[in-house]
């Protein structure tokens, strides 16, 4: 059985680390290329999540009705939120992490990242506590028992503490990246969804039926947008104020184009203004916004390619140009 020294030498071997890094990069490349073809079940998962949200809205609507009935009868009613008690839930409740890491905007951030329900909240608070501890202890173990890289003791402590701080901010960074990626997916297909919504509304369909029809058709282009529209359809059916459903859609997407469309829908609901004309104007504006974003990205591409060209292309170019001359000089 290998001892600690052999394990340490194996883990710190540069050739082994290079092989491991190469394997990770190859695996990431394969997953990136084959990911779209292997993600066929994503739509089913999203629709299932929306159905769960629909059932939750239905349950809350019924429970609120029961509370009102009991209040009229002189009784008391409560809405209970029963959740499965897992290890993360027990840790969060035992240490009262929701109060320690209280963030009023956390639920909105989770919704913008596509995470709903009580379980993602508990998971976030748990990793907000566990990630710094795991990275701190892992860094201390590696720097003091496996490979110190010839660093002084205080420097190793600083590096381990920096890893712990990185773990503290990692959950927020993950949420921000997930929300940004989701917003990009939504806005890529939102102008086309507005065109479909305009066609449905002008054909005589109600707003709920139009949202439902568009959510089923736009799923092949953007699963995230299909999920948001399906959730809006459920909220329009079960919330007492339709204005709240449109405002929730604007908050979850957090994009000026969607907010403008939701404002138009609210005004159409309140004042009875023609919805078709407003949707036609909003569809054109969102198409212009999508084109402007694409032009901005294309304009920034040359500046972003400067460093990769200097690092990867110029050395190869120098080798190709100077290689034959160096070989001829050596031969002479």
C-alpha atoms as a PDB file:
ATOM      1  CA  UNK A   1       0.000   0.000   0.000  1.00  0.00           C
ATOM      2  CA  UNK A   2       1.565   3.352  -1.016  1.00  0.00           C
ATOM      3  CA  UNK A   3       2.602   5.682   1.770  1.00  0.00           C
ATOM      4  CA  UNK A   4       1.951   9.377   2.206  1.00  0.00           C
ATOM      5  CA  UNK A   5       5.206  10.339   0.479  1.00  0.00           C
ATOM      6  CA  UNK A   6       4.361   8.356  -2.661  1.00  0.00           C
ATOM      7  CA  UNK A   7       0.872   9.880  -2.757  1.00  0.00           C
ATOM      8  CA  UNK A   8       2.304  13.378  -2.339  1.00  0.00           C
ATOM      9  CA  UNK A   9       4.888  12.826  -5.083  1.00  0.00           C
ATOM     10  CA  UNK A  10       2.178  11.447  -7.364  1.00  0.00           C
ATOM     11  CA  UNK A  11      -0.124  14.432  -6.765  1.00  0.00           C
ATOM     12  CA  UNK A  12       2.676  16.968  -7.267  1.00  0.00           C
ATOM     13  CA  UNK A  13       4.207  15.342 -10.345  1.00  0.00           C
ATOM     14  CA  UNK A  14       4.125  17.974 -13.154  1.00  0.00           C
ATOM     15  CA  UNK A  15       3.573  15.328 -15.818  1.00  0.00           C
ATOM     16  CA  UNK A  16       0.601  13.915 -13.911  1.00  0.00           C
ATOM     17  CA  UNK A  17      -0.880  17.397 -13.399  1.00  0.00           C
ATOM     18  CA  UNK A  18      -0.426  18.195 -17.101  1.00  0.00           C
ATOM     19  CA  UNK A  19      -2.090  14.900 -18.068  1.00  0.00           C
ATOM     20  CA  UNK A  20      -4.973  15.560 -15.668  1.00  0.00           C
ATOM     21  CA  UNK A  21      -5.441  19.097 -17.001  1.00  0.00           C
ATOM     22  CA  UNK A  22      -5.403  17.825 -20.589  1.00  0.00           C
ATOM     23  CA  UNK A  23      -8.017  15.197 -19.747  1.00  0.00           C
ATOM     24  CA  UNK A  24     -10.253  17.799 -18.106  1.00  0.00           C
ATOM     25  CA  UNK A  25      -9.964  20.117 -21.120  1.00  0.00           C
ATOM     26  CA  UNK A  26     -10.741  17.298 -23.564  1.00  0.00           C
ATOM     27  CA  UNK A  27     -13.742  16.221 -21.492  1.00  0.00           C
ATOM     28  CA  UNK A  28     -15.015  19.825 -21.304  1.00  0.00           C
ATOM     29  CA  UNK A  29     -14.636  20.177 -25.082  1.00  0.00           C
ATOM     30  CA  UNK A  30     -16.593  16.981 -25.720  1.00  0.00           C
ATOM     31  CA  UNK A  31     -19.347  18.027 -23.314  1.00  0.00           C
ATOM     32  CA  UNK A  32     -19.538  21.486 -24.913  1.00  0.00           C
ATOM     33  CA  UNK A  33     -19.824  20.077 -28.431  1.00  0.00           C
ATOM     34  CA  UNK A  34     -22.192  17.222 -27.596  1.00  0.00           C
ATOM     35  CA  UNK A  35     -24.208  19.142 -24.991  1.00  0.00           C
ATOM     36  CA  UNK A  36     -26.950  20.452 -27.317  1.00  0.00           C
ATOM     37  CA  UNK A  37     -27.599  16.986 -28.759  1.00  0.00           C
ATOM     38  CA  UNK A  38     -27.652  15.357 -25.326  1.00  0.00           C
ATOM     39  CA  UNK A  39     -29.929  17.970 -23.697  1.00  0.00           C
ATOM     40  CA  UNK A  40     -33.198  16.810 -25.217  1.00  0.00           C
ATOM     41  CA  UNK A  41     -34.772  16.273 -21.810  1.00  0.00           C
ATOM     42  CA  UNK A  42     -34.266  19.903 -20.787  1.00  0.00           C
ATOM     43  CA  UNK A  43     -37.650  20.967 -22.098  1.00  0.00           C
ATOM     44  CA  UNK A  44     -39.389  18.195 -20.170  1.00  0.00           C
ATOM     45  CA  UNK A  45     -37.640  19.242 -16.965  1.00  0.00           C
ATOM     46  CA  UNK A  46     -38.606  22.881 -17.468  1.00  0.00           C
ATOM     47  CA  UNK A  47     -42.222  22.028 -18.196  1.00  0.00           C
ATOM     48  CA  UNK A  48     -42.306  19.815 -15.111  1.00  0.00           C
ATOM     49  CA  UNK A  49     -40.978  22.702 -13.017  1.00  0.00           C
ATOM     50  CA  UNK A  50     -43.673  24.987 -14.426  1.00  0.00           C
ATOM     51  CA  UNK A  51     -46.326  22.386 -13.664  1.00  0.00           C
ATOM     52  CA  UNK A  52     -45.060  22.224 -10.085  1.00  0.00           C
ATOM     53  CA  UNK A  53     -45.330  25.995  -9.869  1.00  0.00           C
ATOM     54  CA  UNK A  54     -48.844  25.822 -11.329  1.00  0.00           C
ATOM     55  CA  UNK A  55     -49.862  23.266  -8.707  1.00  0.00           C
ATOM     56  CA  UNK A  56     -48.336  25.440  -6.005  1.00  0.00           C
ATOM     57  CA  UNK A  57     -50.343  28.461  -7.160  1.00  0.00           C
ATOM     58  CA  UNK A  58     -53.492  26.349  -7.274  1.00  0.00           C
ATOM     59  CA  UNK A  59     -52.836  24.992  -3.781  1.00  0.00           C
ATOM     60  CA  UNK A  60     -52.188  28.455  -2.352  1.00  0.00           C
ATOM     61  CA  UNK A  61     -55.327  29.797  -4.013  1.00  0.00           C
ATOM     62  CA  UNK A  62     -57.413  27.031  -2.446  1.00  0.00           C
ATOM     63  CA  UNK A  63     -55.794  27.462   0.963  1.00  0.00           C
ATOM     64  CA  UNK A  64     -56.377  31.213   0.888  1.00  0.00           C
ATOM     65  CA  UNK A  65     -60.007  30.549   0.062  1.00  0.00           C
ATOM     66  CA  UNK A  66     -60.217  28.152   3.017  1.00  0.00           C
ATOM     67  CA  UNK A  67     -58.611  30.756   5.281  1.00  0.00           C
ATOM     68  CA  UNK A  68     -61.188  33.347   4.257  1.00  0.00           C
ATOM     69  CA  UNK A  69     -64.035  30.910   4.806  1.00  0.00           C
ATOM     70  CA  UNK A  70     -62.715  29.970   8.254  1.00  0.00           C
ATOM     71  CA  UNK A  71     -62.201  33.633   9.121  1.00  0.00           C
ATOM     72  CA  UNK A  72     -65.821  34.355   8.253  1.00  0.00           C
ATOM     73  CA  UNK A  73     -66.883  31.430  10.412  1.00  0.00           C
ATOM     74  CA  UNK A  74     -64.794  32.681  13.342  1.00  0.00           C
ATOM     75  CA  UNK A  75     -62.073  30.056  13.008  1.00  0.00           C
ATOM     76  CA  UNK A  76     -58.385  30.360  12.328  1.00  0.00           C
ATOM     77  CA  UNK A  77     -56.571  29.106   9.257  1.00  0.00           C
ATOM     78  CA  UNK A  78     -52.923  28.878   8.393  1.00  0.00           C
ATOM     79  CA  UNK A  79     -51.054  28.139   5.204  1.00  0.00           C
ATOM     80  CA  UNK A  80     -48.398  25.513   5.936  1.00  0.00           C
ATOM     81  CA  UNK A  81     -45.307  25.001   3.831  1.00  0.00           C
ATOM     82  CA  UNK A  82     -44.209  21.446   4.368  1.00  0.00           C
ATOM     83  CA  UNK A  83     -40.736  20.673   3.079  1.00  0.00           C
ATOM     84  CA  UNK A  84     -38.618  17.543   3.194  1.00  0.00           C
ATOM     85  CA  UNK A  85     -36.117  17.680   6.022  1.00  0.00           C
ATOM     86  CA  UNK A  86     -32.689  16.972   4.548  1.00  0.00           C
ATOM     87  CA  UNK A  87     -29.236  17.462   5.984  1.00  0.00           C
ATOM     88  CA  UNK A  88     -28.872  20.902   4.379  1.00  0.00           C
ATOM     89  CA  UNK A  89     -32.237  21.955   5.763  1.00  0.00           C
ATOM     90  CA  UNK A  90     -31.273  20.784   9.253  1.00  0.00           C
ATOM     91  CA  UNK A  91     -27.959  22.659   9.117  1.00  0.00           C
ATOM     92  CA  UNK A  92     -29.627  25.856   7.920  1.00  0.00           C
ATOM     93  CA  UNK A  93     -32.302  25.653  10.630  1.00  0.00           C
ATOM     94  CA  UNK A  94     -29.859  24.700  13.390  1.00  0.00           C
ATOM     95  CA  UNK A  95     -27.449  27.570  12.676  1.00  0.00           C
ATOM     96  CA  UNK A  96     -30.212  30.012  11.648  1.00  0.00           C
ATOM     97  CA  UNK A  97     -28.346  30.821   8.442  1.00  0.00           C
ATOM     98  CA  UNK A  98     -31.320  32.590   6.870  1.00  0.00           C
ATOM     99  CA  UNK A  99     -30.982  35.310   9.493  1.00  0.00           C
ATOM    100  CA  UNK A 100     -27.163  35.322   9.448  1.00  0.00           C
ATOM    101  CA  UNK A 101     -26.942  35.634   5.643  1.00  0.00           C
ATOM    102  CA  UNK A 102     -30.205  37.518   5.212  1.00  0.00           C
ATOM    103  CA  UNK A 103     -30.588  38.946   1.714  1.00  0.00           C
ATOM    104  CA  UNK A 104     -33.941  40.572   0.832  1.00  0.00           C
ATOM    105  CA  UNK A 105     -33.236  40.233  -2.895  1.00  0.00           C
ATOM    106  CA  UNK A 106     -32.255  36.542  -2.752  1.00  0.00           C
ATOM    107  CA  UNK A 107     -35.623  35.195  -3.912  1.00  0.00           C
ATOM    108  CA  UNK A 108     -35.606  37.550  -6.896  1.00  0.00           C
ATOM    109  CA  UNK A 109     -32.040  36.528  -7.786  1.00  0.00           C
ATOM    110  CA  UNK A 110     -32.992  32.856  -7.607  1.00  0.00           C
ATOM    111  CA  UNK A 111     -36.035  33.437  -9.806  1.00  0.00           C
ATOM    112  CA  UNK A 112     -33.924  35.319 -12.344  1.00  0.00           C
ATOM    113  CA  UNK A 113     -31.561  32.325 -12.410  1.00  0.00           C
ATOM    114  CA  UNK A 114     -34.489  29.933 -12.947  1.00  0.00           C
ATOM    115  CA  UNK A 115     -34.421  28.455  -9.423  1.00  0.00           C
ATOM    116  CA  UNK A 116     -37.762  28.391  -7.627  1.00  0.00           C
ATOM    117  CA  UNK A 117     -39.094  26.971  -4.426  1.00  0.00           C
ATOM    118  CA  UNK A 118     -37.682  26.576  -0.952  1.00  0.00           C
ATOM    119  CA  UNK A 119     -35.025  23.973  -1.805  1.00  0.00           C
ATOM    120  CA  UNK A 120     -32.752  26.320  -3.857  1.00  0.00           C
ATOM    121  CA  UNK A 121     -32.899  28.859  -1.020  1.00  0.00           C
ATOM    122  CA  UNK A 122     -31.783  26.276   1.516  1.00  0.00           C
ATOM    123  CA  UNK A 123     -29.057  25.036  -0.847  1.00  0.00           C
ATOM    124  CA  UNK A 124     -27.758  28.573  -1.354  1.00  0.00           C
ATOM    125  CA  UNK A 125     -27.520  29.292   2.366  1.00  0.00           C
ATOM    126  CA  UNK A 126     -25.870  25.917   2.991  1.00  0.00           C
ATOM    127  CA  UNK A 127     -23.146  26.449   0.382  1.00  0.00           C
ATOM    128  CA  UNK A 128     -22.689  30.045   1.547  1.00  0.00           C
ATOM    129  CA  UNK A 129     -21.482  28.468   4.795  1.00  0.00           C
ATOM    130  CA  UNK A 130     -19.884  25.246   3.495  1.00  0.00           C
ATOM    131  CA  UNK A 131     -17.943  26.548   0.468  1.00  0.00           C
ATOM    132  CA  UNK A 132     -15.583  28.879   2.427  1.00  0.00           C
ATOM    133  CA  UNK A 133     -14.878  26.185   5.028  1.00  0.00           C
ATOM    134  CA  UNK A 134     -14.218  23.476   2.422  1.00  0.00           C
ATOM    135  CA  UNK A 135     -11.914  25.647   0.318  1.00  0.00           C
ATOM    136  CA  UNK A 136     -10.099  26.998   3.375  1.00  0.00           C
ATOM    137  CA  UNK A 137      -9.430  23.551   4.855  1.00  0.00           C
ATOM    138  CA  UNK A 138      -8.565  22.122   1.428  1.00  0.00           C
ATOM    139  CA  UNK A 139      -6.096  24.927   0.786  1.00  0.00           C
ATOM    140  CA  UNK A 140      -4.472  24.510   4.209  1.00  0.00           C
ATOM    141  CA  UNK A 141      -4.174  20.748   3.745  1.00  0.00           C
ATOM    142  CA  UNK A 142      -2.628  21.044   0.297  1.00  0.00           C
ATOM    143  CA  UNK A 143      -0.187  23.845   1.159  1.00  0.00           C
ATOM    144  CA  UNK A 144       0.990  22.385   4.463  1.00  0.00           C
ATOM    145  CA  UNK A 145       0.917  18.627   3.834  1.00  0.00           C
ATOM    146  CA  UNK A 146       1.187  18.026   0.085  1.00  0.00           C
ATOM    147  CA  UNK A 147       3.148  20.817  -1.597  1.00  0.00           C
ATOM    148  CA  UNK A 148       4.213  24.096  -0.016  1.00  0.00           C
ATOM    149  CA  UNK A 149       5.821  25.443  -3.242  1.00  0.00           C
ATOM    150  CA  UNK A 150       8.649  26.809  -1.095  1.00  0.00           C
ATOM    151  CA  UNK A 151       6.432  29.576   0.276  1.00  0.00           C
ATOM    152  CA  UNK A 152       6.736  31.084   3.755  1.00  0.00           C
ATOM    153  CA  UNK A 153       4.192  30.060   6.361  1.00  0.00           C
ATOM    154  CA  UNK A 154       2.380  33.406   6.435  1.00  0.00           C
ATOM    155  CA  UNK A 155       2.069  33.366   2.623  1.00  0.00           C
ATOM    156  CA  UNK A 156       0.497  29.910   2.700  1.00  0.00           C
ATOM    157  CA  UNK A 157      -2.009  31.084   5.295  1.00  0.00           C
ATOM    158  CA  UNK A 158      -2.855  34.091   3.097  1.00  0.00           C
ATOM    159  CA  UNK A 159      -3.426  31.873   0.058  1.00  0.00           C
ATOM    160  CA  UNK A 160      -5.691  29.554   2.053  1.00  0.00           C
ATOM    161  CA  UNK A 161      -7.623  32.523   3.430  1.00  0.00           C
ATOM    162  CA  UNK A 162      -8.013  33.881  -0.112  1.00  0.00           C
ATOM    163  CA  UNK A 163      -9.484  30.533  -1.165  1.00  0.00           C
ATOM    164  CA  UNK A 164     -11.936  30.767   1.730  1.00  0.00           C
ATOM    165  CA  UNK A 165     -13.006  34.258   0.641  1.00  0.00           C
ATOM    166  CA  UNK A 166     -13.435  32.966  -2.907  1.00  0.00           C
ATOM    167  CA  UNK A 167     -15.756  30.251  -1.577  1.00  0.00           C
ATOM    168  CA  UNK A 168     -17.804  32.861   0.281  1.00  0.00           C
ATOM    169  CA  UNK A 169     -18.509  34.834  -2.908  1.00  0.00           C
ATOM    170  CA  UNK A 170     -18.761  31.803  -5.221  1.00  0.00           C
ATOM    171  CA  UNK A 171     -22.545  31.200  -4.708  1.00  0.00           C
ATOM    172  CA  UNK A 172     -23.359  34.820  -5.615  1.00  0.00           C
ATOM    173  CA  UNK A 173     -21.112  34.639  -8.677  1.00  0.00           C
ATOM    174  CA  UNK A 174     -22.841  31.428  -9.747  1.00  0.00           C
ATOM    175  CA  UNK A 175     -26.277  33.046  -9.383  1.00  0.00           C
ATOM    176  CA  UNK A 176     -25.201  36.115 -11.362  1.00  0.00           C
ATOM    177  CA  UNK A 177     -23.760  34.010 -14.187  1.00  0.00           C
ATOM    178  CA  UNK A 178     -26.847  31.780 -14.318  1.00  0.00           C
ATOM    179  CA  UNK A 179     -29.159  34.818 -14.389  1.00  0.00           C
ATOM    180  CA  UNK A 180     -27.110  36.475 -17.155  1.00  0.00           C
ATOM    181  CA  UNK A 181     -27.080  33.310 -19.265  1.00  0.00           C
ATOM    182  CA  UNK A 182     -30.811  32.877 -18.788  1.00  0.00           C
ATOM    183  CA  UNK A 183     -31.488  36.501 -19.714  1.00  0.00           C
ATOM    184  CA  UNK A 184     -29.462  36.138 -22.925  1.00  0.00           C
ATOM    185  CA  UNK A 185     -31.415  33.034 -23.886  1.00  0.00           C
ATOM    186  CA  UNK A 186     -34.730  34.782 -23.207  1.00  0.00           C
ATOM    187  CA  UNK A 187     -33.880  37.918 -25.151  1.00  0.00           C
ATOM    188  CA  UNK A 188     -32.559  35.962 -28.119  1.00  0.00           C
ATOM    189  CA  UNK A 189     -36.026  34.541 -28.787  1.00  0.00           C
ATOM    190  CA  UNK A 190     -38.233  37.264 -27.292  1.00  0.00           C
ATOM    191  CA  UNK A 191     -38.809  39.266 -30.547  1.00  0.00           C
ATOM    192  CA  UNK A 192     -39.945  36.101 -32.327  1.00  0.00           C
ATOM    193  CA  UNK A 193     -42.208  35.298 -29.381  1.00  0.00           C
ATOM    194  CA  UNK A 194     -43.755  38.776 -29.637  1.00  0.00           C
ATOM    195  CA  UNK A 195     -44.473  38.191 -33.335  1.00  0.00           C
ATOM    196  CA  UNK A 196     -46.193  34.910 -32.492  1.00  0.00           C
ATOM    197  CA  UNK A 197     -48.090  36.603 -29.661  1.00  0.00           C
ATOM    198  CA  UNK A 198     -49.226  39.351 -32.035  1.00  0.00           C
ATOM    199  CA  UNK A 199     -50.504  36.783 -34.543  1.00  0.00           C
ATOM    200  CA  UNK A 200     -52.398  34.912 -31.811  1.00  0.00           C
ATOM    201  CA  UNK A 201     -53.972  38.068 -30.374  1.00  0.00           C
ATOM    202  CA  UNK A 202     -55.027  39.425 -33.777  1.00  0.00           C
ATOM    203  CA  UNK A 203     -56.556  36.045 -34.643  1.00  0.00           C
ATOM    204  CA  UNK A 204     -58.983  36.461 -31.743  1.00  0.00           C
ATOM    205  CA  UNK A 205     -57.314  34.415 -29.002  1.00  0.00           C
ATOM    206  CA  UNK A 206     -57.364  35.612 -25.396  1.00  0.00           C
ATOM    207  CA  UNK A 207     -54.151  36.702 -23.709  1.00  0.00           C
ATOM    208  CA  UNK A 208     -53.924  33.511 -21.611  1.00  0.00           C
ATOM    209  CA  UNK A 209     -54.462  31.282 -24.649  1.00  0.00           C
ATOM    210  CA  UNK A 210     -51.953  33.333 -26.661  1.00  0.00           C
ATOM    211  CA  UNK A 211     -49.295  33.014 -23.937  1.00  0.00           C
ATOM    212  CA  UNK A 212     -49.907  29.275 -23.721  1.00  0.00           C
ATOM    213  CA  UNK A 213     -49.687  28.837 -27.493  1.00  0.00           C
ATOM    214  CA  UNK A 214     -46.500  30.872 -27.774  1.00  0.00           C
ATOM    215  CA  UNK A 215     -44.875  28.969 -24.868  1.00  0.00           C
ATOM    216  CA  UNK A 216     -45.442  25.674 -26.664  1.00  0.00           C
ATOM    217  CA  UNK A 217     -44.100  26.976 -29.983  1.00  0.00           C
ATOM    218  CA  UNK A 218     -41.062  28.909 -28.730  1.00  0.00           C
ATOM    219  CA  UNK A 219     -39.677  26.015 -26.651  1.00  0.00           C
ATOM    220  CA  UNK A 220     -37.533  24.734 -29.519  1.00  0.00           C
ATOM    221  CA  UNK A 221     -35.756  28.100 -29.684  1.00  0.00           C
ATOM    222  CA  UNK A 222     -35.526  29.023 -26.005  1.00  0.00           C
ATOM    223  CA  UNK A 223     -36.563  26.679 -23.206  1.00  0.00           C
ATOM    224  CA  UNK A 224     -36.130  29.455 -20.655  1.00  0.00           C
ATOM    225  CA  UNK A 225     -38.554  31.787 -22.444  1.00  0.00           C
ATOM    226  CA  UNK A 226     -41.073  28.958 -22.827  1.00  0.00           C
ATOM    227  CA  UNK A 227     -40.840  28.358 -19.083  1.00  0.00           C
ATOM    228  CA  UNK A 228     -41.386  32.032 -18.262  1.00  0.00           C
ATOM    229  CA  UNK A 229     -44.400  32.319 -20.555  1.00  0.00           C
ATOM    230  CA  UNK A 230     -45.913  29.114 -19.168  1.00  0.00           C
ATOM    231  CA  UNK A 231     -45.449  30.415 -15.647  1.00  0.00           C
ATOM    232  CA  UNK A 232     -47.077  33.708 -16.620  1.00  0.00           C
ATOM    233  CA  UNK A 233     -50.024  31.749 -18.031  1.00  0.00           C
ATOM    234  CA  UNK A 234     -50.411  29.939 -14.707  1.00  0.00           C
ATOM    235  CA  UNK A 235     -50.231  33.190 -12.748  1.00  0.00           C
ATOM    236  CA  UNK A 236     -52.824  34.818 -15.006  1.00  0.00           C
ATOM    237  CA  UNK A 237     -55.141  31.901 -14.261  1.00  0.00           C
ATOM    238  CA  UNK A 238     -54.685  31.745 -10.472  1.00  0.00           C
ATOM    239  CA  UNK A 239     -53.617  35.178  -9.237  1.00  0.00           C
ATOM    240  CA  UNK A 240     -56.371  37.571  -8.303  1.00  0.00           C
ATOM    241  CA  UNK A 241     -54.694  40.605  -9.899  1.00  0.00           C
ATOM    242  CA  UNK A 242     -53.515  40.099 -13.491  1.00  0.00           C
ATOM    243  CA  UNK A 243     -51.233  43.108 -13.111  1.00  0.00           C
ATOM    244  CA  UNK A 244     -49.108  41.134 -10.650  1.00  0.00           C
ATOM    245  CA  UNK A 245     -48.526  38.367 -13.223  1.00  0.00           C
ATOM    246  CA  UNK A 246     -47.110  40.842 -15.759  1.00  0.00           C
ATOM    247  CA  UNK A 247     -44.971  42.541 -13.116  1.00  0.00           C
ATOM    248  CA  UNK A 248     -43.583  39.180 -12.019  1.00  0.00           C
ATOM    249  CA  UNK A 249     -42.616  38.398 -15.615  1.00  0.00           C
ATOM    250  CA  UNK A 250     -40.741  41.706 -15.852  1.00  0.00           C
ATOM    251  CA  UNK A 251     -38.932  41.084 -12.558  1.00  0.00           C
ATOM    252  CA  UNK A 252     -37.931  37.511 -13.421  1.00  0.00           C
ATOM    253  CA  UNK A 253     -36.439  38.475 -16.792  1.00  0.00           C
ATOM    254  CA  UNK A 254     -34.961  41.812 -15.627  1.00  0.00           C
ATOM    255  CA  UNK A 255     -34.695  43.247 -19.144  1.00  0.00           C
ATOM    256  CA  UNK A 256     -35.905  46.647 -20.417  1.00  0.00           C
ATOM    257  CA  UNK A 257     -37.594  45.113 -23.472  1.00  0.00           C
ATOM    258  CA  UNK A 258     -39.686  42.702 -21.430  1.00  0.00           C
ATOM    259  CA  UNK A 259     -40.510  45.431 -18.914  1.00  0.00           C
ATOM    260  CA  UNK A 260     -41.798  47.673 -21.711  1.00  0.00           C
ATOM    261  CA  UNK A 261     -43.983  44.875 -23.081  1.00  0.00           C
ATOM    262  CA  UNK A 262     -45.358  44.109 -19.614  1.00  0.00           C
ATOM    263  CA  UNK A 263     -46.146  47.804 -19.112  1.00  0.00           C
ATOM    264  CA  UNK A 264     -48.053  47.820 -22.411  1.00  0.00           C
ATOM    265  CA  UNK A 265     -49.993  44.715 -21.382  1.00  0.00           C
ATOM    266  CA  UNK A 266     -50.876  46.312 -18.036  1.00  0.00           C
ATOM    267  CA  UNK A 267     -52.075  49.476 -19.760  1.00  0.00           C
ATOM    268  CA  UNK A 268     -54.116  47.426 -22.210  1.00  0.00           C
ATOM    269  CA  UNK A 269     -55.731  45.575 -19.295  1.00  0.00           C
ATOM    270  CA  UNK A 270     -56.422  48.796 -17.388  1.00  0.00           C
ATOM    271  CA  UNK A 271     -57.536  51.218 -20.106  1.00  0.00           C
ATOM    272  CA  UNK A 272     -58.731  48.894 -22.856  1.00  0.00           C
ATOM    273  CA  UNK A 273     -56.217  50.178 -25.435  1.00  0.00           C
ATOM    274  CA  UNK A 274     -55.636  48.093 -28.587  1.00  0.00           C
ATOM    275  CA  UNK A 275     -53.153  45.371 -27.761  1.00  0.00           C
ATOM    276  CA  UNK A 276     -52.209  44.423 -31.323  1.00  0.00           C
ATOM    277  CA  UNK A 277     -50.727  47.806 -32.222  1.00  0.00           C
ATOM    278  CA  UNK A 278     -48.711  47.944 -29.006  1.00  0.00           C
ATOM    279  CA  UNK A 279     -47.326  44.434 -29.569  1.00  0.00           C
ATOM    280  CA  UNK A 280     -46.367  45.298 -33.146  1.00  0.00           C
ATOM    281  CA  UNK A 281     -44.377  48.339 -31.991  1.00  0.00           C
ATOM    282  CA  UNK A 282     -42.760  46.404 -29.138  1.00  0.00           C
ATOM    283  CA  UNK A 283     -41.770  43.542 -31.451  1.00  0.00           C
ATOM    284  CA  UNK A 284     -40.003  45.993 -33.769  1.00  0.00           C
ATOM    285  CA  UNK A 285     -38.212  47.679 -30.857  1.00  0.00           C
ATOM    286  CA  UNK A 286     -37.026  44.342 -29.457  1.00  0.00           C
ATOM    287  CA  UNK A 287     -35.773  43.247 -32.872  1.00  0.00           C
ATOM    288  CA  UNK A 288     -33.813  46.506 -33.080  1.00  0.00           C
ATOM    289  CA  UNK A 289     -32.417  45.895 -29.589  1.00  0.00           C
ATOM    290  CA  UNK A 290     -31.341  42.377 -30.564  1.00  0.00           C
ATOM    291  CA  UNK A 291     -29.652  43.678 -33.716  1.00  0.00           C
ATOM    292  CA  UNK A 292     -27.896  46.443 -31.757  1.00  0.00           C
ATOM    293  CA  UNK A 293     -26.600  43.895 -29.246  1.00  0.00           C
ATOM    294  CA  UNK A 294     -25.295  41.698 -32.080  1.00  0.00           C
ATOM    295  CA  UNK A 295     -23.579  44.683 -33.739  1.00  0.00           C
ATOM    296  CA  UNK A 296     -22.005  45.690 -30.433  1.00  0.00           C
ATOM    297  CA  UNK A 297     -20.685  42.180 -29.909  1.00  0.00           C
ATOM    298  CA  UNK A 298     -19.301  42.047 -33.441  1.00  0.00           C
ATOM    299  CA  UNK A 299     -17.636  45.466 -33.031  1.00  0.00           C
ATOM    300  CA  UNK A 300     -15.858  44.353 -29.833  1.00  0.00           C
ATOM    301  CA  UNK A 301     -14.559  41.161 -31.421  1.00  0.00           C
ATOM    302  CA  UNK A 302     -11.350  42.613 -32.996  1.00  0.00           C
ATOM    303  CA  UNK A 303     -10.200  44.028 -29.660  1.00  0.00           C
ATOM    304  CA  UNK A 304     -10.854  40.709 -27.928  1.00  0.00           C
ATOM    305  CA  UNK A 305      -8.901  38.803 -30.590  1.00  0.00           C
ATOM    306  CA  UNK A 306      -5.759  40.888 -30.115  1.00  0.00           C
ATOM    307  CA  UNK A 307      -4.366  39.010 -27.119  1.00  0.00           C
ATOM    308  CA  UNK A 308      -5.126  35.479 -28.473  1.00  0.00           C
ATOM    309  CA  UNK A 309      -3.460  36.410 -31.769  1.00  0.00           C
ATOM    310  CA  UNK A 310      -0.353  37.687 -29.996  1.00  0.00           C
ATOM    311  CA  UNK A 311      -0.112  34.607 -27.782  1.00  0.00           C
ATOM    312  CA  UNK A 312      -1.015  31.841 -30.237  1.00  0.00           C
ATOM    313  CA  UNK A 313      -0.618  33.096 -33.820  1.00  0.00           C
ATOM    314  CA  UNK A 314       2.526  35.248 -33.776  1.00  0.00           C
ATOM    315  CA  UNK A 315       4.875  32.614 -32.249  1.00  0.00           C
ATOM    316  CA  UNK A 316       3.737  30.067 -34.833  1.00  0.00           C
ATOM    317  CA  UNK A 317       4.174  32.649 -37.590  1.00  0.00           C
ATOM    318  CA  UNK A 318       7.705  33.409 -36.412  1.00  0.00           C
ATOM    319  CA  UNK A 319       8.547  29.704 -36.368  1.00  0.00           C
ATOM    320  CA  UNK A 320       7.224  29.244 -39.902  1.00  0.00           C
ATOM    321  CA  UNK A 321       9.107  32.284 -41.229  1.00  0.00           C
ATOM    322  CA  UNK A 322      12.386  31.935 -39.342  1.00  0.00           C
ATOM    323  CA  UNK A 323      12.487  28.123 -39.122  1.00  0.00           C
ATOM    324  CA  UNK A 324      13.884  27.468 -42.622  1.00  0.00           C
ATOM    325  CA  UNK A 325      16.446  30.262 -42.239  1.00  0.00           C
ATOM    326  CA  UNK A 326      17.670  28.889 -38.903  1.00  0.00           C
ATOM    327  CA  UNK A 327      17.921  25.368 -40.327  1.00  0.00           C
ATOM    328  CA  UNK A 328      19.911  26.649 -43.331  1.00  0.00           C
ATOM    329  CA  UNK A 329      22.291  28.629 -41.101  1.00  0.00           C
ATOM    330  CA  UNK A 330      22.890  25.573 -38.891  1.00  0.00           C
ATOM    331  CA  UNK A 331      23.562  23.465 -41.958  1.00  0.00           C
ATOM    332  CA  UNK A 332      26.174  25.961 -43.208  1.00  0.00           C
END
